[in-house]
Amino acid sequence: MAAVVIHCTCPDATTAERIATALVGERLAACVQQLPGLRSTYRWQGRVEHAGEILLLIKTAADRTAAVFERVRALHPYDVPELLALDARDGTPDYLDWVIAQSRDDA
């Protein structure tokens, strides 16, 4: 079984904490790291925008990706939240096993 790291940006600490707590509490993710101080520049509705954001690094089992995406969309204030799943191909087997085990309802 494989693990993924999902990137998700949030507009503020309250949103980031709410999403992180829900994902770990509901066993959709083993761990969510919050990286504050991110400055994003992006195009939205025809304009170049700048915003301070918090990046979430969500560690979960690959087969939980769709459920994580669905839950984040339900909790996130953005119309189009950043949700990028990156394969965790390399990692220590014990850490990857932990991520997968903690992303399960029956763990």
C-alpha atoms as a PDB file:
ATOM      1  CA  MET A   1       0.000   0.000   0.000  1.00  0.00           C
ATOM      2  CA  ALA A   2       1.208   3.504  -0.811  1.00  0.00           C
ATOM      3  CA  ALA A   3       1.156   6.825   1.000  1.00  0.00           C
ATOM      4  CA  VAL A   4       0.643  10.344  -0.337  1.00  0.00           C
ATOM      5  CA  VAL A   5       1.310  13.881   0.835  1.00  0.00           C
ATOM      6  CA  ILE A   6      -1.512  16.257  -0.039  1.00  0.00           C
ATOM      7  CA  HIS A   7      -0.837  19.989  -0.326  1.00  0.00           C
ATOM      8  CA  CYS A   8      -3.653  22.330   0.655  1.00  0.00           C
ATOM      9  CA  THR A   9      -3.417  26.080   1.253  1.00  0.00           C
ATOM     10  CA  CYS A  10      -5.662  27.851   3.751  1.00  0.00           C
ATOM     11  CA  PRO A  11      -6.436  31.555   4.151  1.00  0.00           C
ATOM     12  CA  ASP A  12      -5.872  31.667   7.925  1.00  0.00           C
ATOM     13  CA  ALA A  13      -4.867  29.759  11.049  1.00  0.00           C
ATOM     14  CA  THR A  14      -8.455  29.066  12.103  1.00  0.00           C
ATOM     15  CA  THR A  15      -9.277  27.339   8.823  1.00  0.00           C
ATOM     16  CA  ALA A  16      -5.986  25.418   8.837  1.00  0.00           C
ATOM     17  CA  GLU A  17      -6.536  24.169  12.397  1.00  0.00           C
ATOM     18  CA  ARG A  18     -10.154  23.186  11.685  1.00  0.00           C
ATOM     19  CA  ILE A  19      -9.186  21.141   8.633  1.00  0.00           C
ATOM     20  CA  ALA A  20      -6.127  19.547  10.285  1.00  0.00           C
ATOM     21  CA  THR A  21      -8.087  18.559  13.393  1.00  0.00           C
ATOM     22  CA  ALA A  22     -10.964  17.109  11.374  1.00  0.00           C
ATOM     23  CA  LEU A  23      -8.715  15.028   9.113  1.00  0.00           C
ATOM     24  CA  VAL A  24      -6.660  13.536  11.938  1.00  0.00           C
ATOM     25  CA  GLY A  25      -9.639  13.185  14.271  1.00  0.00           C
ATOM     26  CA  GLU A  26     -11.652  11.364  11.610  1.00  0.00           C
ATOM     27  CA  ARG A  27      -8.666   9.137  10.760  1.00  0.00           C
ATOM     28  CA  LEU A  28      -8.500  10.432   7.197  1.00  0.00           C
ATOM     29  CA  ALA A  29      -4.875  11.456   7.781  1.00  0.00           C
ATOM     30  CA  ALA A  30      -2.088  10.317  10.064  1.00  0.00           C
ATOM     31  CA  CYS A  31      -0.550  13.776  10.373  1.00  0.00           C
ATOM     32  CA  VAL A  32      -1.156  17.304   9.104  1.00  0.00           C
ATOM     33  CA  GLN A  33       1.612  19.873   9.317  1.00  0.00           C
ATOM     34  CA  GLN A  34       0.770  23.571   9.179  1.00  0.00           C
ATOM     35  CA  LEU A  35       3.361  25.846   7.594  1.00  0.00           C
ATOM     36  CA  PRO A  36       2.499  29.522   8.193  1.00  0.00           C
ATOM     37  CA  GLY A  37       4.042  32.518   6.499  1.00  0.00           C
ATOM     38  CA  LEU A  38       3.396  31.408   2.925  1.00  0.00           C
ATOM     39  CA  ARG A  39       2.913  34.186   0.360  1.00  0.00           C
ATOM     40  CA  SER A  40       1.005  33.122  -2.761  1.00  0.00           C
ATOM     41  CA  THR A  41       0.770  34.896  -6.103  1.00  0.00           C
ATOM     42  CA  TYR A  42      -1.849  33.494  -8.462  1.00  0.00           C
ATOM     43  CA  ARG A  43      -4.319  34.362 -11.175  1.00  0.00           C
ATOM     44  CA  TRP A  44      -7.982  34.333 -10.112  1.00  0.00           C
ATOM     45  CA  GLN A  45     -10.921  35.552 -12.185  1.00  0.00           C
ATOM     46  CA  GLY A  46      -8.662  37.341 -14.655  1.00  0.00           C
ATOM     47  CA  ARG A  47      -6.547  39.184 -12.078  1.00  0.00           C
ATOM     48  CA  VAL A  48      -3.185  38.574 -10.469  1.00  0.00           C
ATOM     49  CA  GLU A  49      -3.751  38.204  -6.724  1.00  0.00           C
ATOM     50  CA  HIS A  50      -1.421  38.106  -3.711  1.00  0.00           C
ATOM     51  CA  ALA A  51      -2.357  36.521  -0.410  1.00  0.00           C
ATOM     52  CA  GLY A  52      -0.872  35.248   2.803  1.00  0.00           C
ATOM     53  CA  GLU A  53      -1.719  31.584   3.310  1.00  0.00           C
ATOM     54  CA  ILE A  54      -0.931  28.571   5.458  1.00  0.00           C
ATOM     55  CA  LEU A  55       0.198  25.397   3.707  1.00  0.00           C
ATOM     56  CA  LEU A  56      -1.084  22.087   5.009  1.00  0.00           C
ATOM     57  CA  LEU A  57       0.968  18.959   4.354  1.00  0.00           C
ATOM     58  CA  ILE A  58      -1.485  16.104   4.813  1.00  0.00           C
ATOM     59  CA  LYS A  59       0.000  12.592   5.149  1.00  0.00           C
ATOM     60  CA  THR A  60      -2.390   9.752   4.354  1.00  0.00           C
ATOM     61  CA  ALA A  61      -2.789   6.391   2.646  1.00  0.00           C
ATOM     62  CA  ALA A  62      -3.144   6.748  -1.123  1.00  0.00           C
ATOM     63  CA  ASP A  63      -6.532   5.053  -1.136  1.00  0.00           C
ATOM     64  CA  ARG A  64      -7.854   7.744   1.252  1.00  0.00           C
ATOM     65  CA  THR A  65      -7.097  10.596  -1.176  1.00  0.00           C
ATOM     66  CA  ALA A  66     -10.646  10.963  -2.539  1.00  0.00           C
ATOM     67  CA  ALA A  67     -12.099  10.992   0.988  1.00  0.00           C
ATOM     68  CA  VAL A  68      -9.586  13.651   2.083  1.00  0.00           C
ATOM     69  CA  PHE A  69     -10.411  15.789  -0.960  1.00  0.00           C
ATOM     70  CA  GLU A  70     -14.135  15.497  -0.236  1.00  0.00           C
ATOM     71  CA  ARG A  71     -13.743  16.401   3.448  1.00  0.00           C
ATOM     72  CA  VAL A  72     -11.448  19.358   2.741  1.00  0.00           C
ATOM     73  CA  ARG A  73     -13.889  20.718   0.143  1.00  0.00           C
ATOM     74  CA  ALA A  74     -16.667  20.529   2.750  1.00  0.00           C
ATOM     75  CA  LEU A  75     -14.607  22.492   5.303  1.00  0.00           C
ATOM     76  CA  HIS A  76     -12.709  24.930   3.074  1.00  0.00           C
ATOM     77  CA  PRO A  77     -13.885  28.488   2.335  1.00  0.00           C
ATOM     78  CA  TYR A  78     -12.219  28.715  -1.122  1.00  0.00           C
ATOM     79  CA  ASP A  79     -14.294  28.015  -4.227  1.00  0.00           C
ATOM     80  CA  VAL A  80     -11.337  26.043  -5.597  1.00  0.00           C
ATOM     81  CA  PRO A  81      -9.055  24.874  -2.781  1.00  0.00           C
ATOM     82  CA  GLU A  82      -5.572  23.681  -3.643  1.00  0.00           C
ATOM     83  CA  LEU A  83      -5.591  19.889  -3.387  1.00  0.00           C
ATOM     84  CA  LEU A  84      -2.525  18.197  -4.850  1.00  0.00           C
ATOM     85  CA  ALA A  85      -1.671  14.599  -3.956  1.00  0.00           C
ATOM     86  CA  LEU A  86       1.995  13.700  -4.367  1.00  0.00           C
ATOM     87  CA  ASP A  87       3.144  10.098  -4.170  1.00  0.00           C
ATOM     88  CA  ALA A  88       5.410   9.339  -1.223  1.00  0.00           C
ATOM     89  CA  ARG A  89       7.552   6.853  -3.130  1.00  0.00           C
ATOM     90  CA  ASP A  90      10.507   6.838  -0.805  1.00  0.00           C
ATOM     91  CA  GLY A  91      10.433   6.867   2.964  1.00  0.00           C
ATOM     92  CA  THR A  92      11.355   4.660   5.835  1.00  0.00           C
ATOM     93  CA  PRO A  93       9.107   1.604   5.878  1.00  0.00           C
ATOM     94  CA  ASP A  94       8.181   2.086   9.536  1.00  0.00           C
ATOM     95  CA  TYR A  95       7.064   5.691   8.932  1.00  0.00           C
ATOM     96  CA  LEU A  96       5.066   4.815   5.831  1.00  0.00           C
ATOM     97  CA  ASP A  97       3.457   1.896   7.674  1.00  0.00           C
ATOM     98  CA  TRP A  98       2.506   4.292  10.480  1.00  0.00           C
ATOM     99  CA  VAL A  99       0.945   6.772   8.020  1.00  0.00           C
ATOM    100  CA  ILE A 100      -1.128   4.036   6.438  1.00  0.00           C
ATOM    101  CA  ALA A 101      -2.179   2.488   9.758  1.00  0.00           C
ATOM    102  CA  GLN A 102      -3.214   5.845  11.254  1.00  0.00           C
ATOM    103  CA  SER A 103      -5.290   6.659   8.156  1.00  0.00           C
ATOM    104  CA  ARG A 104      -7.624   3.760   8.857  1.00  0.00           C
ATOM    105  CA  ASP A 105     -10.881   3.621  10.788  1.00  0.00           C
ATOM    106  CA  ASP A 106      -9.902   0.251  12.256  1.00  0.00           C
ATOM    107  CA  ALA A 107      -6.430   1.233  13.539  1.00  0.00           C
END
